[in-house]
Amino acid sequence: MGVLLNNGDGSFSEPHYHTYFLRTESLYSNDFDGDGDIDIAIARNPVGLKIYLNDGYGAFPDSVDLGEWDSVFQVWGADFDGDMNIDLLEIATPSVPDEVLSVVRLYNNPGDGQFSRSDADILKMSGLNRGYGHRPDGGDLDGDGDIDLIVPFDSSSSWLSFFFNQEEPMSVEDSAAPLPKEFVLQQNYPNPFNPETQIRFDLPEAAKIQLAIYNVGGEQVRTLANTFMQAGSHSITWEGKDANGRQAPSIGVYVEMDPKNRTGS
């Protein structure tokens, strides 16, 4: 697998080939450790899932190895538990299959990208198919404000499993606040700020959202979020620095939501 870095004008550098990307079945990229850089999760066959953490310069010196010689065919991510961190889902075939030919496994992100196999949840084990189908997908299938899953198992996608995200029961005293009725980008607070500010917004339904910082010239300074998020009121802290860790100049805030394509500023 090669990594080509954008020169900033739409042209790309020569590929940087990384031997640790060999035997790649699929990959998923997002900011797993919350530092504003795009990290990469690799589904490897037959050596399991591995996460490579970006150092901010397009290199990946740090990694988290979740493989135990399982053959991982698909990997996908979203914020499944509503904690603003990107969790990961894998479809794998165990190294010692016995009666189990495929496993759907969920890794919850502790916030720093240091996923742990011991904390993973097994959502499904199956002996009917082989788990090398198309990439999983998700969205709010049942209208309750959280991310549900659609998982195809075989190569022809003739087997589909639906996983509905269900929270633990809550008492009346702990019940959640009503969901917002419309998409609203709130005024960041404090404004002006030093050294950081809170960017708040409301989502009436679960959706993929991109939150980016731009300067007054319309140039993107930093991406703070690019993921599925659950319905509700959210707040993201920005410490006033660009993607390279330098103090940013005067800025504007731009939020884009997919698939509804609603925006605010």
C-alpha atoms as a PDB file:
ATOM      1  CA  MET A   1       0.000   0.000   0.000  1.00  0.00           C
ATOM      2  CA  GLY A   2       1.310   3.433  -0.883  1.00  0.00           C
ATOM      3  CA  VAL A   3       0.626   6.807   0.745  1.00  0.00           C
ATOM      4  CA  LEU A   4       0.645   9.830  -1.601  1.00  0.00           C
ATOM      5  CA  LEU A   5       0.782  13.214   0.118  1.00  0.00           C
ATOM      6  CA  ASN A   6      -1.051  16.152  -1.450  1.00  0.00           C
ATOM      7  CA  ASN A   7       1.257  19.048  -2.344  1.00  0.00           C
ATOM      8  CA  GLY A   8      -1.569  21.523  -1.782  1.00  0.00           C
ATOM      9  CA  ASP A   9      -2.273  22.232  -5.445  1.00  0.00           C
ATOM     10  CA  GLY A  10      -3.961  18.966  -6.394  1.00  0.00           C
ATOM     11  CA  SER A  11      -0.709  17.251  -7.318  1.00  0.00           C
ATOM     12  CA  PHE A  12       0.765  14.453  -5.222  1.00  0.00           C
ATOM     13  CA  SER A  13       4.202  13.400  -4.070  1.00  0.00           C
ATOM     14  CA  GLU A  14       5.796  10.124  -5.005  1.00  0.00           C
ATOM     15  CA  PRO A  15       4.197   7.203  -3.133  1.00  0.00           C
ATOM     16  CA  HIS A  16       5.624   6.251   0.237  1.00  0.00           C
ATOM     17  CA  TYR A  17       5.380   2.461   0.394  1.00  0.00           C
ATOM     18  CA  HIS A  18       4.931   0.894   3.795  1.00  0.00           C
ATOM     19  CA  THR A  19       5.683  -2.789   4.244  1.00  0.00           C
ATOM     20  CA  TYR A  20       3.324  -2.933   7.202  1.00  0.00           C
ATOM     21  CA  PHE A  21       0.366  -2.469   4.827  1.00  0.00           C
ATOM     22  CA  LEU A  22       0.953  -5.818   3.110  1.00  0.00           C
ATOM     23  CA  ARG A  23      -1.930  -8.341   2.926  1.00  0.00           C
ATOM     24  CA  THR A  24      -4.527  -5.588   3.144  1.00  0.00           C
ATOM     25  CA  GLU A  25      -8.156  -6.604   2.533  1.00  0.00           C
ATOM     26  CA  SER A  26      -9.725  -3.206   3.284  1.00  0.00           C
ATOM     27  CA  LEU A  27      -8.999  -0.020   5.209  1.00  0.00           C
ATOM     28  CA  TYR A  28     -10.869   2.740   7.026  1.00  0.00           C
ATOM     29  CA  SER A  29      -9.433   6.183   7.804  1.00  0.00           C
ATOM     30  CA  ASN A  30     -10.497   8.735  10.413  1.00  0.00           C
ATOM     31  CA  ASP A  31      -9.098  10.607  13.403  1.00  0.00           C
ATOM     32  CA  PHE A  32      -8.967   7.890  16.071  1.00  0.00           C
ATOM     33  CA  ASP A  33      -6.859   9.701  18.679  1.00  0.00           C
ATOM     34  CA  GLY A  34      -8.456  13.156  18.518  1.00  0.00           C
ATOM     35  CA  ASP A  35      -5.365  15.086  17.396  1.00  0.00           C
ATOM     36  CA  GLY A  36      -6.829  16.333  14.105  1.00  0.00           C
ATOM     37  CA  ASP A  37      -4.790  13.965  11.913  1.00  0.00           C
ATOM     38  CA  ILE A  38      -6.175  11.157   9.758  1.00  0.00           C
ATOM     39  CA  ASP A  39      -5.224   7.717  11.087  1.00  0.00           C
ATOM     40  CA  ILE A  40      -5.681   4.385   9.278  1.00  0.00           C
ATOM     41  CA  ALA A  41      -7.209   1.063  10.343  1.00  0.00           C
ATOM     42  CA  ILE A  42      -6.106  -1.894   8.197  1.00  0.00           C
ATOM     43  CA  ALA A  43      -8.011  -5.190   7.832  1.00  0.00           C
ATOM     44  CA  ARG A  44      -5.286  -7.764   7.192  1.00  0.00           C
ATOM     45  CA  ASN A  45      -5.521 -11.372   6.090  1.00  0.00           C
ATOM     46  CA  PRO A  46      -4.518 -13.477   7.966  1.00  0.00           C
ATOM     47  CA  VAL A  47      -2.960 -11.296  10.675  1.00  0.00           C
ATOM     48  CA  GLY A  48      -5.913  -9.305  12.025  1.00  0.00           C
ATOM     49  CA  LEU A  49      -6.720  -5.633  12.514  1.00  0.00           C
ATOM     50  CA  LYS A  50      -4.060  -2.965  12.985  1.00  0.00           C
ATOM     51  CA  ILE A  51      -4.393   0.789  13.559  1.00  0.00           C
ATOM     52  CA  TYR A  52      -1.684   3.212  12.415  1.00  0.00           C
ATOM     53  CA  LEU A  53      -1.612   6.596  14.142  1.00  0.00           C
ATOM     54  CA  ASN A  54      -0.586   9.629  12.092  1.00  0.00           C
ATOM     55  CA  ASP A  55       2.208  11.807  13.494  1.00  0.00           C
ATOM     56  CA  GLY A  56       0.815  14.876  11.681  1.00  0.00           C
ATOM     57  CA  TYR A  57       3.241  14.662   8.770  1.00  0.00           C
ATOM     58  CA  GLY A  58       1.771  11.712   6.888  1.00  0.00           C
ATOM     59  CA  ALA A  59       3.956   9.139   8.622  1.00  0.00           C
ATOM     60  CA  PHE A  60       2.686   6.409  10.937  1.00  0.00           C
ATOM     61  CA  PRO A  61       5.360   5.517  13.521  1.00  0.00           C
ATOM     62  CA  ASP A  62       2.888   4.409  16.216  1.00  0.00           C
ATOM     63  CA  SER A  63       0.436   1.559  15.862  1.00  0.00           C
ATOM     64  CA  VAL A  64      -2.017  -0.588  17.801  1.00  0.00           C
ATOM     65  CA  ASP A  65      -2.066  -4.264  16.840  1.00  0.00           C
ATOM     66  CA  LEU A  66      -5.390  -6.044  17.470  1.00  0.00           C
ATOM     67  CA  GLY A  67      -4.519  -9.147  15.487  1.00  0.00           C
ATOM     68  CA  GLU A  68      -4.355 -12.654  16.880  1.00  0.00           C
ATOM     69  CA  TRP A  69      -4.010 -14.315  13.489  1.00  0.00           C
ATOM     70  CA  ASP A  70      -7.687 -13.869  12.682  1.00  0.00           C
ATOM     71  CA  SER A  71      -8.372 -13.121   9.022  1.00  0.00           C
ATOM     72  CA  VAL A  72     -10.030  -9.693   9.057  1.00  0.00           C
ATOM     73  CA  PHE A  73     -11.790  -8.874   5.787  1.00  0.00           C
ATOM     74  CA  GLN A  74     -13.713  -5.673   6.523  1.00  0.00           C
ATOM     75  CA  VAL A  75     -13.322  -2.692   8.844  1.00  0.00           C
ATOM     76  CA  TRP A  76     -15.576   0.330   9.336  1.00  0.00           C
ATOM     77  CA  GLY A  77     -15.992   3.016  11.974  1.00  0.00           C
ATOM     78  CA  ALA A  78     -18.446   5.469  13.562  1.00  0.00           C
ATOM     79  CA  ASP A  79     -19.277   6.885  16.980  1.00  0.00           C
ATOM     80  CA  PHE A  80     -21.528   4.072  18.182  1.00  0.00           C
ATOM     81  CA  ASP A  81     -21.671   5.007  21.866  1.00  0.00           C
ATOM     82  CA  GLY A  82     -22.076   8.793  21.586  1.00  0.00           C
ATOM     83  CA  ASP A  83     -18.803   9.753  23.336  1.00  0.00           C
ATOM     84  CA  MET A  84     -17.403  11.748  20.347  1.00  0.00           C
ATOM     85  CA  ASN A  85     -14.745   9.066  19.638  1.00  0.00           C
ATOM     86  CA  ILE A  86     -14.587   6.885  16.514  1.00  0.00           C
ATOM     87  CA  ASP A  87     -15.191   3.212  17.323  1.00  0.00           C
ATOM     88  CA  LEU A  88     -14.300   0.346  14.970  1.00  0.00           C
ATOM     89  CA  LEU A  89     -16.168  -2.671  13.632  1.00  0.00           C
ATOM     90  CA  GLU A  90     -14.484  -5.673  12.031  1.00  0.00           C
ATOM     91  CA  ILE A  91     -15.714  -8.756  10.176  1.00  0.00           C
ATOM     92  CA  ALA A  92     -13.276 -11.609  10.664  1.00  0.00           C
ATOM     93  CA  THR A  93     -12.809 -15.336  10.236  1.00  0.00           C
ATOM     94  CA  PRO A  94     -11.199 -16.894  13.344  1.00  0.00           C
ATOM     95  CA  SER A  95      -7.876 -18.652  12.889  1.00  0.00           C
ATOM     96  CA  VAL A  96      -9.381 -21.775  14.489  1.00  0.00           C
ATOM     97  CA  PRO A  97     -12.892 -21.621  13.022  1.00  0.00           C
ATOM     98  CA  ASP A  98     -14.395 -24.832  14.472  1.00  0.00           C
ATOM     99  CA  GLU A  99     -18.132 -24.200  13.949  1.00  0.00           C
ATOM    100  CA  VAL A 100     -17.688 -20.422  13.635  1.00  0.00           C
ATOM    101  CA  LEU A 101     -16.888 -19.106  10.152  1.00  0.00           C
ATOM    102  CA  SER A 102     -17.358 -15.377  10.745  1.00  0.00           C
ATOM    103  CA  VAL A 103     -17.359 -12.949  13.657  1.00  0.00           C
ATOM    104  CA  VAL A 104     -18.591  -9.359  13.916  1.00  0.00           C
ATOM    105  CA  ARG A 105     -16.490  -7.601  16.557  1.00  0.00           C
ATOM    106  CA  LEU A 106     -16.861  -4.046  17.914  1.00  0.00           C
ATOM    107  CA  TYR A 107     -13.969  -2.093  19.443  1.00  0.00           C
ATOM    108  CA  ASN A 108     -14.894   0.916  21.603  1.00  0.00           C
ATOM    109  CA  ASN A 109     -12.436   3.813  21.401  1.00  0.00           C
ATOM    110  CA  PRO A 110     -11.197   5.047  24.817  1.00  0.00           C
ATOM    111  CA  GLY A 111     -10.448   8.430  23.196  1.00  0.00           C
ATOM    112  CA  ASP A 112      -6.749   8.088  22.398  1.00  0.00           C
ATOM    113  CA  GLY A 113      -6.993   5.466  19.661  1.00  0.00           C
ATOM    114  CA  GLN A 114      -5.520   2.780  21.939  1.00  0.00           C
ATOM    115  CA  PHE A 115      -8.103   0.108  21.165  1.00  0.00           C
ATOM    116  CA  SER A 116      -7.964  -3.133  23.171  1.00  0.00           C
ATOM    117  CA  ARG A 117      -8.958  -6.598  22.018  1.00  0.00           C
ATOM    118  CA  SER A 118      -9.814  -7.543  25.614  1.00  0.00           C
ATOM    119  CA  ASP A 119     -12.496  -4.818  25.682  1.00  0.00           C
ATOM    120  CA  ALA A 120     -14.059  -5.781  22.337  1.00  0.00           C
ATOM    121  CA  ASP A 121     -17.698  -6.840  22.071  1.00  0.00           C
ATOM    122  CA  ILE A 122     -18.671  -9.765  19.829  1.00  0.00           C
ATOM    123  CA  LEU A 123     -21.943  -8.816  18.135  1.00  0.00           C
ATOM    124  CA  LYS A 124     -22.434 -11.996  16.111  1.00  0.00           C
ATOM    125  CA  MET A 125     -20.845 -15.380  15.420  1.00  0.00           C
ATOM    126  CA  SER A 126     -22.006 -17.365  12.415  1.00  0.00           C
ATOM    127  CA  GLY A 127     -21.305 -20.742  10.851  1.00  0.00           C
ATOM    128  CA  LEU A 128     -23.387 -20.066   7.744  1.00  0.00           C
ATOM    129  CA  ASN A 129     -21.092 -17.836   5.695  1.00  0.00           C
ATOM    130  CA  ARG A 130     -17.534 -16.635   5.453  1.00  0.00           C
ATOM    131  CA  GLY A 131     -17.498 -12.953   6.306  1.00  0.00           C
ATOM    132  CA  TYR A 132     -15.642 -11.602   3.285  1.00  0.00           C
ATOM    133  CA  GLY A 133     -18.499  -9.525   1.867  1.00  0.00           C
ATOM    134  CA  HIS A 134     -18.764  -5.811   1.252  1.00  0.00           C
ATOM    135  CA  ARG A 135     -17.926  -3.170   3.840  1.00  0.00           C
ATOM    136  CA  PRO A 136     -20.486  -2.661   6.630  1.00  0.00           C
ATOM    137  CA  ASP A 137     -22.519   0.524   6.716  1.00  0.00           C
ATOM    138  CA  GLY A 138     -24.761   2.235   9.201  1.00  0.00           C
ATOM    139  CA  GLY A 139     -27.201   4.954  10.102  1.00  0.00           C
ATOM    140  CA  ASP A 140     -30.198   5.563  12.325  1.00  0.00           C
ATOM    141  CA  LEU A 141     -32.432   2.745  11.078  1.00  0.00           C
ATOM    142  CA  ASP A 142     -35.022   2.852  13.858  1.00  0.00           C
ATOM    143  CA  GLY A 143     -35.243   6.626  14.447  1.00  0.00           C
ATOM    144  CA  ASP A 144     -33.982   6.579  18.027  1.00  0.00           C
ATOM    145  CA  GLY A 145     -31.028   8.908  17.453  1.00  0.00           C
ATOM    146  CA  ASP A 146     -28.114   6.444  17.467  1.00  0.00           C
ATOM    147  CA  ILE A 147     -26.083   4.587  14.830  1.00  0.00           C
ATOM    148  CA  ASP A 148     -27.318   1.117  13.839  1.00  0.00           C
ATOM    149  CA  LEU A 149     -25.426  -1.348  11.636  1.00  0.00           C
ATOM    150  CA  ILE A 150     -25.944  -3.205   8.370  1.00  0.00           C
ATOM    151  CA  VAL A 151     -23.455  -6.034   7.876  1.00  0.00           C
ATOM    152  CA  PRO A 152     -23.195  -8.122   4.658  1.00  0.00           C
ATOM    153  CA  PHE A 153     -21.400 -11.414   5.186  1.00  0.00           C
ATOM    154  CA  ASP A 154     -20.655 -13.217   1.938  1.00  0.00           C
ATOM    155  CA  SER A 155     -19.117 -11.956  -1.295  1.00  0.00           C
ATOM    156  CA  SER A 156     -22.465 -11.684  -3.059  1.00  0.00           C
ATOM    157  CA  SER A 157     -24.091  -9.837  -0.119  1.00  0.00           C
ATOM    158  CA  SER A 158     -26.871 -12.438  -0.058  1.00  0.00           C
ATOM    159  CA  TRP A 159     -26.695 -12.475   3.743  1.00  0.00           C
ATOM    160  CA  LEU A 160     -27.450  -9.275   5.646  1.00  0.00           C
ATOM    161  CA  SER A 161     -27.507  -8.749   9.394  1.00  0.00           C
ATOM    162  CA  PHE A 162     -29.050  -5.696  11.042  1.00  0.00           C
ATOM    163  CA  PHE A 163     -27.783  -4.602  14.456  1.00  0.00           C
ATOM    164  CA  PHE A 164     -29.913  -2.092  16.341  1.00  0.00           C
ATOM    165  CA  ASN A 165     -28.021   0.111  18.786  1.00  0.00           C
ATOM    166  CA  GLN A 166     -29.735  -0.057  22.174  1.00  0.00           C
ATOM    167  CA  GLU A 167     -28.708   1.885  25.248  1.00  0.00           C
ATOM    168  CA  GLU A 168     -28.892   0.558  28.796  1.00  0.00           C
ATOM    169  CA  PRO A 169     -32.253   1.254  30.489  1.00  0.00           C
ATOM    170  CA  MET A 170     -32.279   4.506  32.490  1.00  0.00           C
ATOM    171  CA  SER A 171     -34.304   5.582  35.481  1.00  0.00           C
ATOM    172  CA  VAL A 172     -36.707   8.527  35.228  1.00  0.00           C
ATOM    173  CA  GLU A 173     -34.178  10.718  37.039  1.00  0.00           C
ATOM    174  CA  ASP A 174     -31.498   9.818  34.463  1.00  0.00           C
ATOM    175  CA  SER A 175     -33.681  10.061  31.369  1.00  0.00           C
ATOM    176  CA  ALA A 176     -32.184  11.909  28.411  1.00  0.00           C
ATOM    177  CA  ALA A 177     -33.198  15.438  27.453  1.00  0.00           C
ATOM    178  CA  PRO A 178     -35.574  15.796  24.467  1.00  0.00           C
ATOM    179  CA  LEU A 179     -33.876  15.645  21.080  1.00  0.00           C
ATOM    180  CA  PRO A 180     -33.431  18.925  19.179  1.00  0.00           C
ATOM    181  CA  LYS A 181     -36.111  19.627  16.577  1.00  0.00           C
ATOM    182  CA  GLU A 182     -33.769  21.176  14.002  1.00  0.00           C
ATOM    183  CA  PHE A 183     -30.133  21.469  13.017  1.00  0.00           C
ATOM    184  CA  VAL A 184     -28.568  24.492  14.735  1.00  0.00           C
ATOM    185  CA  LEU A 185     -24.970  25.685  14.915  1.00  0.00           C
ATOM    186  CA  GLN A 186     -24.651  27.685  18.126  1.00  0.00           C
ATOM    187  CA  GLN A 187     -22.344  30.649  18.669  1.00  0.00           C
ATOM    188  CA  ASN A 188     -18.998  29.372  19.884  1.00  0.00           C
ATOM    189  CA  TYR A 189     -18.208  30.271  23.515  1.00  0.00           C
ATOM    190  CA  PRO A 190     -16.229  32.119  24.664  1.00  0.00           C
ATOM    191  CA  ASN A 191     -15.849  34.458  21.689  1.00  0.00           C
ATOM    192  CA  PRO A 192     -13.299  35.982  21.466  1.00  0.00           C
ATOM    193  CA  PHE A 193     -11.389  33.185  23.153  1.00  0.00           C
ATOM    194  CA  ASN A 194      -8.033  32.431  24.688  1.00  0.00           C
ATOM    195  CA  PRO A 195      -6.760  29.751  24.541  1.00  0.00           C
ATOM    196  CA  GLU A 196      -9.740  27.591  23.514  1.00  0.00           C
ATOM    197  CA  THR A 197     -13.428  27.752  22.628  1.00  0.00           C
ATOM    198  CA  GLN A 198     -16.431  25.422  22.605  1.00  0.00           C
ATOM    199  CA  ILE A 199     -18.235  24.886  19.267  1.00  0.00           C
ATOM    200  CA  ARG A 200     -21.776  23.715  19.983  1.00  0.00           C
ATOM    201  CA  PHE A 201     -24.401  22.355  17.608  1.00  0.00           C
ATOM    202  CA  ASP A 202     -27.695  20.425  17.683  1.00  0.00           C
ATOM    203  CA  LEU A 203     -28.596  17.421  15.529  1.00  0.00           C
ATOM    204  CA  PRO A 204     -32.260  16.378  15.319  1.00  0.00           C
ATOM    205  CA  GLU A 205     -31.235  12.968  13.930  1.00  0.00           C
ATOM    206  CA  ALA A 206     -28.134  10.813  13.644  1.00  0.00           C
ATOM    207  CA  ALA A 207     -26.077  11.862  10.641  1.00  0.00           C
ATOM    208  CA  LYS A 208     -22.620  12.107   9.173  1.00  0.00           C
ATOM    209  CA  ILE A 209     -21.209  15.509  10.064  1.00  0.00           C
ATOM    210  CA  GLN A 210     -18.079  17.399   9.110  1.00  0.00           C
ATOM    211  CA  LEU A 211     -16.891  20.202  11.356  1.00  0.00           C
ATOM    212  CA  ALA A 212     -14.031  22.228   9.910  1.00  0.00           C
ATOM    213  CA  ILE A 213     -12.242  25.467  10.757  1.00  0.00           C
ATOM    214  CA  TYR A 214     -11.528  28.001   7.991  1.00  0.00           C
ATOM    215  CA  ASN A 215      -9.630  31.281   8.037  1.00  0.00           C
ATOM    216  CA  VAL A 216     -11.044  34.552   6.701  1.00  0.00           C
ATOM    217  CA  GLY A 217      -9.570  33.773   3.271  1.00  0.00           C
ATOM    218  CA  GLY A 218     -11.639  30.598   2.966  1.00  0.00           C
ATOM    219  CA  GLU A 219      -8.684  28.239   3.479  1.00  0.00           C
ATOM    220  CA  GLN A 220      -9.267  25.188   5.634  1.00  0.00           C
ATOM    221  CA  VAL A 221      -7.275  25.352   8.845  1.00  0.00           C
ATOM    222  CA  ARG A 222      -8.292  22.125  10.564  1.00  0.00           C
ATOM    223  CA  THR A 223     -10.922  19.386  10.539  1.00  0.00           C
ATOM    224  CA  LEU A 224     -12.312  18.777  14.029  1.00  0.00           C
ATOM    225  CA  ALA A 225     -14.843  16.050  13.203  1.00  0.00           C
ATOM    226  CA  ASN A 226     -15.739  13.944  10.184  1.00  0.00           C
ATOM    227  CA  THR A 227     -17.931  11.075  11.348  1.00  0.00           C
ATOM    228  CA  PHE A 228     -21.392   9.767  12.112  1.00  0.00           C
ATOM    229  CA  MET A 229     -22.810  11.340  15.242  1.00  0.00           C
ATOM    230  CA  GLN A 230     -25.910  10.579  17.267  1.00  0.00           C
ATOM    231  CA  ALA A 231     -28.855  12.937  17.551  1.00  0.00           C
ATOM    232  CA  GLY A 232     -28.631  15.463  20.372  1.00  0.00           C
ATOM    233  CA  SER A 233     -26.685  18.525  21.501  1.00  0.00           C
ATOM    234  CA  HIS A 234     -22.932  18.311  20.969  1.00  0.00           C
ATOM    235  CA  SER A 235     -19.881  20.371  21.885  1.00  0.00           C
ATOM    236  CA  ILE A 236     -16.365  20.170  20.459  1.00  0.00           C
ATOM    237  CA  THR A 237     -13.386  22.038  21.908  1.00  0.00           C
ATOM    238  CA  TRP A 238     -10.970  23.845  19.594  1.00  0.00           C
ATOM    239  CA  GLU A 239      -7.739  25.148  21.105  1.00  0.00           C
ATOM    240  CA  GLY A 240      -7.079  27.640  18.281  1.00  0.00           C
ATOM    241  CA  LYS A 241      -4.398  25.615  16.471  1.00  0.00           C
ATOM    242  CA  ASP A 242      -4.191  24.406  12.888  1.00  0.00           C
ATOM    243  CA  ALA A 243      -3.598  20.825  11.736  1.00  0.00           C
ATOM    244  CA  ASN A 244       0.164  21.270  12.258  1.00  0.00           C
ATOM    245  CA  GLY A 245      -0.204  22.467  15.853  1.00  0.00           C
ATOM    246  CA  ARG A 246       0.477  26.135  15.059  1.00  0.00           C
ATOM    247  CA  GLN A 247      -1.649  28.987  16.354  1.00  0.00           C
ATOM    248  CA  ALA A 248      -4.256  29.822  13.711  1.00  0.00           C
ATOM    249  CA  PRO A 249      -5.165  33.350  12.523  1.00  0.00           C
ATOM    250  CA  SER A 250      -8.688  34.821  12.435  1.00  0.00           C
ATOM    251  CA  ILE A 251     -11.198  32.127  11.590  1.00  0.00           C
ATOM    252  CA  GLY A 252     -14.701  31.284  10.492  1.00  0.00           C
ATOM    253  CA  VAL A 253     -16.552  28.098  11.448  1.00  0.00           C
ATOM    254  CA  TYR A 254     -18.291  25.909   8.857  1.00  0.00           C
ATOM    255  CA  VAL A 255     -20.394  22.797   9.548  1.00  0.00           C
ATOM    256  CA  GLU A 256     -21.618  20.376   6.853  1.00  0.00           C
ATOM    257  CA  MET A 257     -24.049  17.515   7.463  1.00  0.00           C
ATOM    258  CA  ASP A 258     -24.561  14.519   5.176  1.00  0.00           C
ATOM    259  CA  PRO A 259     -26.744  13.151   3.703  1.00  0.00           C
ATOM    260  CA  LYS A 260     -29.135  16.080   4.162  1.00  0.00           C
ATOM    261  CA  ASN A 261     -26.507  18.633   3.028  1.00  0.00           C
ATOM    262  CA  ARG A 262     -27.645  21.190   5.600  1.00  0.00           C
ATOM    263  CA  THR A 263     -25.097  23.806   6.611  1.00  0.00           C
ATOM    264  CA  GLY A 264     -24.588  26.605   9.085  1.00  0.00           C
ATOM    265  CA  SER A 265     -21.865  29.096   9.990  1.00  0.00           C
END
